N, C-alpha and C. Protein backbone atom coordinates (compact mmCIF):
# COMPACT_ATOMS: atom_id res chain seq x y z
N MET A 1 21.26 10.57 -14.14
CA MET A 1 20.65 9.51 -13.74
C MET A 1 20.68 8.33 -14.60
N ARG A 2 21.25 7.36 -14.35
CA ARG A 2 21.47 6.19 -15.14
C ARG A 2 20.14 5.36 -15.58
N PHE A 3 19.42 5.28 -14.55
CA PHE A 3 17.91 4.68 -14.69
C PHE A 3 17.16 5.71 -15.79
N GLN A 4 17.21 6.87 -15.63
CA GLN A 4 16.51 7.71 -16.70
C GLN A 4 17.16 7.46 -17.94
N ALA A 5 18.46 7.25 -18.30
CA ALA A 5 18.89 6.95 -19.38
C ALA A 5 18.35 5.63 -20.04
N ALA A 6 18.29 4.62 -19.06
CA ALA A 6 17.84 3.35 -19.43
C ALA A 6 16.59 3.18 -20.05
N VAL A 7 15.73 4.11 -19.21
CA VAL A 7 14.27 4.52 -19.71
C VAL A 7 14.12 4.99 -20.94
N ASP A 8 14.94 5.97 -21.09
CA ASP A 8 14.99 6.73 -22.44
C ASP A 8 15.40 5.89 -23.45
N ALA A 9 16.06 4.92 -23.33
CA ALA A 9 16.77 4.15 -24.34
C ALA A 9 15.78 2.95 -24.73
N ASP A 10 15.26 2.41 -23.69
CA ASP A 10 14.14 1.45 -24.03
C ASP A 10 12.84 1.68 -22.85
N THR A 11 11.82 2.24 -23.59
CA THR A 11 10.68 2.57 -22.60
C THR A 11 9.94 1.29 -22.35
N THR A 12 10.33 0.05 -22.73
CA THR A 12 9.43 -0.98 -22.16
C THR A 12 10.22 -1.75 -21.50
N PHE A 13 11.57 -1.45 -20.75
CA PHE A 13 12.17 -2.14 -19.88
C PHE A 13 11.72 -1.92 -18.24
N ALA A 14 10.81 -2.69 -17.98
CA ALA A 14 10.31 -2.39 -16.61
C ALA A 14 11.28 -2.18 -15.50
N PRO A 15 12.46 -3.10 -15.44
CA PRO A 15 13.35 -2.84 -14.18
C PRO A 15 14.06 -1.49 -14.19
N ALA A 16 14.07 -0.71 -15.32
CA ALA A 16 14.73 0.38 -15.27
C ALA A 16 13.57 1.35 -14.56
N TYR A 17 12.42 1.30 -14.84
CA TYR A 17 11.49 2.14 -14.14
C TYR A 17 11.46 1.85 -12.85
N ALA A 18 11.57 0.66 -12.26
CA ALA A 18 11.76 0.16 -10.87
C ALA A 18 13.02 0.82 -10.13
N GLY A 19 14.00 0.84 -10.98
CA GLY A 19 15.22 1.46 -10.56
C GLY A 19 15.17 2.88 -10.40
N LEU A 20 14.61 3.79 -11.30
CA LEU A 20 14.28 4.99 -11.03
C LEU A 20 13.27 5.17 -10.06
N ALA A 21 12.45 4.67 -9.82
CA ALA A 21 11.27 4.76 -8.70
C ALA A 21 12.08 4.55 -7.40
N ALA A 22 12.97 3.58 -7.32
CA ALA A 22 13.81 3.38 -6.07
C ALA A 22 14.84 4.63 -5.83
N THR A 23 15.17 5.38 -6.98
CA THR A 23 15.98 6.38 -6.83
C THR A 23 15.34 7.54 -6.24
N TYR A 24 14.16 7.86 -6.81
CA TYR A 24 13.30 8.93 -6.14
C TYR A 24 12.81 8.61 -4.96
N SER A 25 12.69 7.40 -4.52
CA SER A 25 12.32 7.12 -3.01
C SER A 25 13.50 7.30 -2.22
N ALA A 26 14.70 7.09 -2.50
CA ALA A 26 16.00 7.38 -1.86
C ALA A 26 16.09 8.84 -1.59
N LEU A 27 15.71 9.36 -2.77
CA LEU A 27 16.09 10.88 -2.65
C LEU A 27 15.17 11.64 -1.88
N GLY A 28 13.73 10.96 -1.25
CA GLY A 28 12.86 11.78 -0.75
C GLY A 28 12.87 11.22 0.90
N LEU A 29 14.10 11.47 1.32
CA LEU A 29 14.24 11.09 2.75
C LEU A 29 14.03 12.63 3.66
N VAL A 30 13.58 12.36 4.81
CA VAL A 30 13.50 13.73 5.64
C VAL A 30 14.59 14.43 5.75
N PHE A 31 15.71 13.89 6.12
CA PHE A 31 16.80 14.41 6.54
C PHE A 31 17.89 15.11 5.48
N TYR A 32 17.67 14.69 4.31
CA TYR A 32 18.15 14.98 3.03
C TYR A 32 17.62 14.91 1.85
N GLY A 33 18.02 15.26 0.90
CA GLY A 33 17.49 15.13 -0.29
C GLY A 33 16.39 16.11 -0.82
N GLU A 34 15.31 15.50 -1.27
CA GLU A 34 14.05 16.36 -1.76
C GLU A 34 12.87 16.23 -0.62
N PRO A 35 12.07 16.91 -0.41
CA PRO A 35 11.01 16.87 0.46
C PRO A 35 10.29 15.58 0.02
N PRO A 36 9.85 14.56 1.02
CA PRO A 36 9.01 13.42 0.50
C PRO A 36 7.76 13.61 -0.22
N GLY A 37 7.11 14.70 -0.02
CA GLY A 37 5.99 15.15 -0.43
C GLY A 37 6.06 15.31 -2.00
N GLU A 38 7.21 15.71 -2.27
CA GLU A 38 7.66 15.86 -3.77
C GLU A 38 7.76 14.71 -4.64
N THR A 39 8.67 13.65 -3.77
CA THR A 39 9.25 12.52 -4.51
C THR A 39 8.30 11.26 -4.43
N ARG A 40 7.27 11.28 -3.48
CA ARG A 40 6.24 10.18 -3.50
C ARG A 40 5.53 10.15 -4.54
N PRO A 41 4.96 11.24 -5.28
CA PRO A 41 4.14 11.06 -6.34
C PRO A 41 5.02 10.51 -7.55
N LYS A 42 6.35 11.01 -7.54
CA LYS A 42 6.99 10.47 -8.61
C LYS A 42 7.37 8.75 -8.28
N VAL A 43 7.52 8.66 -7.15
CA VAL A 43 7.68 7.03 -7.05
C VAL A 43 6.45 6.40 -7.46
N ILE A 44 5.60 6.76 -6.92
CA ILE A 44 4.09 6.17 -7.36
C ILE A 44 3.92 6.10 -8.92
N ALA A 45 4.25 7.19 -9.57
CA ALA A 45 3.95 6.89 -11.15
C ALA A 45 4.77 6.06 -11.64
N VAL A 46 6.14 6.26 -11.38
CA VAL A 46 7.13 5.33 -12.07
C VAL A 46 7.08 3.83 -11.65
N ALA A 47 6.65 3.61 -10.45
CA ALA A 47 6.60 2.28 -10.07
C ALA A 47 5.25 1.69 -10.91
N ARG A 48 4.11 2.46 -10.89
CA ARG A 48 3.00 1.97 -11.64
C ARG A 48 3.29 1.68 -13.16
N LYS A 49 4.10 2.54 -13.76
CA LYS A 49 4.41 2.33 -15.00
C LYS A 49 5.20 0.83 -15.25
N ALA A 50 6.09 0.72 -14.28
CA ALA A 50 6.73 -0.49 -13.99
C ALA A 50 6.03 -1.89 -14.00
N LEU A 51 4.98 -1.59 -13.30
CA LEU A 51 4.09 -2.79 -13.15
C LEU A 51 3.04 -2.83 -14.34
N GLU A 52 2.83 -1.77 -14.89
CA GLU A 52 2.09 -1.86 -16.32
C GLU A 52 2.79 -2.88 -17.21
N LEU A 53 4.08 -2.47 -17.25
CA LEU A 53 4.89 -3.45 -18.08
C LEU A 53 5.30 -4.53 -17.75
N ASP A 54 5.33 -4.81 -16.42
CA ASP A 54 5.87 -6.19 -15.96
C ASP A 54 4.97 -6.40 -14.59
N PRO A 55 3.70 -7.01 -14.52
CA PRO A 55 2.98 -7.16 -13.40
C PRO A 55 3.49 -8.02 -12.52
N GLU A 56 4.27 -8.83 -12.54
CA GLU A 56 5.00 -9.67 -11.68
C GLU A 56 6.43 -9.09 -11.10
N LEU A 57 6.88 -7.83 -11.44
CA LEU A 57 7.96 -7.15 -10.77
C LEU A 57 7.78 -6.78 -9.38
N ALA A 58 8.48 -7.63 -8.63
CA ALA A 58 8.43 -7.60 -7.06
C ALA A 58 8.85 -6.27 -6.78
N GLU A 59 9.97 -5.73 -7.15
CA GLU A 59 10.37 -4.34 -6.72
C GLU A 59 9.40 -3.17 -7.00
N ALA A 60 8.88 -3.25 -7.82
CA ALA A 60 7.75 -2.19 -8.19
C ALA A 60 6.55 -2.09 -7.24
N ARG A 61 6.28 -3.54 -6.88
CA ARG A 61 5.11 -3.82 -5.96
C ARG A 61 5.67 -3.25 -4.39
N VAL A 62 6.87 -3.55 -4.03
CA VAL A 62 7.46 -3.06 -2.70
C VAL A 62 7.42 -1.34 -2.77
N LEU A 63 7.90 -0.80 -3.88
CA LEU A 63 8.08 0.52 -3.87
C LEU A 63 6.69 1.20 -3.72
N LEU A 64 5.65 0.61 -4.25
CA LEU A 64 4.29 1.20 -4.24
C LEU A 64 3.72 0.95 -2.88
N ALA A 65 4.22 0.16 -2.12
CA ALA A 65 3.66 -0.02 -0.65
C ALA A 65 4.43 1.02 0.39
N ASN A 66 5.68 1.47 -0.09
CA ASN A 66 6.40 2.19 0.73
C ASN A 66 5.67 3.69 1.00
N PRO A 67 5.50 4.46 -0.03
CA PRO A 67 4.83 5.66 0.23
C PRO A 67 3.36 5.77 1.17
N PRO A 68 2.53 5.00 0.98
CA PRO A 68 1.56 4.84 2.00
C PRO A 68 2.02 4.55 3.51
N GLU A 69 2.84 3.50 3.41
CA GLU A 69 3.53 3.29 4.82
C GLU A 69 4.24 4.39 5.32
N GLN A 70 4.83 4.98 4.52
CA GLN A 70 5.66 6.21 5.10
C GLN A 70 4.98 7.40 5.70
N ALA A 71 3.71 7.51 5.16
CA ALA A 71 2.71 8.57 5.48
C ALA A 71 1.73 7.96 6.46
N HIS A 72 1.88 6.67 7.01
CA HIS A 72 1.12 6.32 8.17
C HIS A 72 -0.35 5.90 7.56
N ARG A 73 -0.46 5.70 6.28
CA ARG A 73 -1.96 5.27 5.86
C ARG A 73 -1.83 3.62 5.74
N TRP A 74 -1.92 3.12 6.73
CA TRP A 74 -1.76 1.51 6.79
C TRP A 74 -2.84 0.87 6.08
N GLY A 75 -3.98 1.29 6.00
CA GLY A 75 -5.04 0.75 5.43
C GLY A 75 -4.93 0.73 3.82
N SER A 76 -4.32 1.67 3.44
CA SER A 76 -4.06 1.66 1.78
C SER A 76 -2.97 0.79 1.21
N VAL A 77 -2.24 0.04 2.04
CA VAL A 77 -1.15 -0.73 1.65
C VAL A 77 -1.68 -2.13 1.42
N GLN A 78 -1.48 -2.50 0.25
CA GLN A 78 -1.80 -3.85 -0.17
C GLN A 78 -0.77 -4.83 -0.37
């Protein structure tokens, strides 16, 4: 995974974390990839790290909104 390599090369580069979270999100689809229950915690953790590094990173905010939406927990989406 190239995003993981980017994170390993520069642990302060927030877009690499957002890209890694997006990759985990894409892998966690119902019909192929890994079970969503396994990928959602990874998406959340990596997207939060991206926001910790860059609070204005829109991609990370969108990725954090997706797991609750996909689990039909509408009230927890901010």
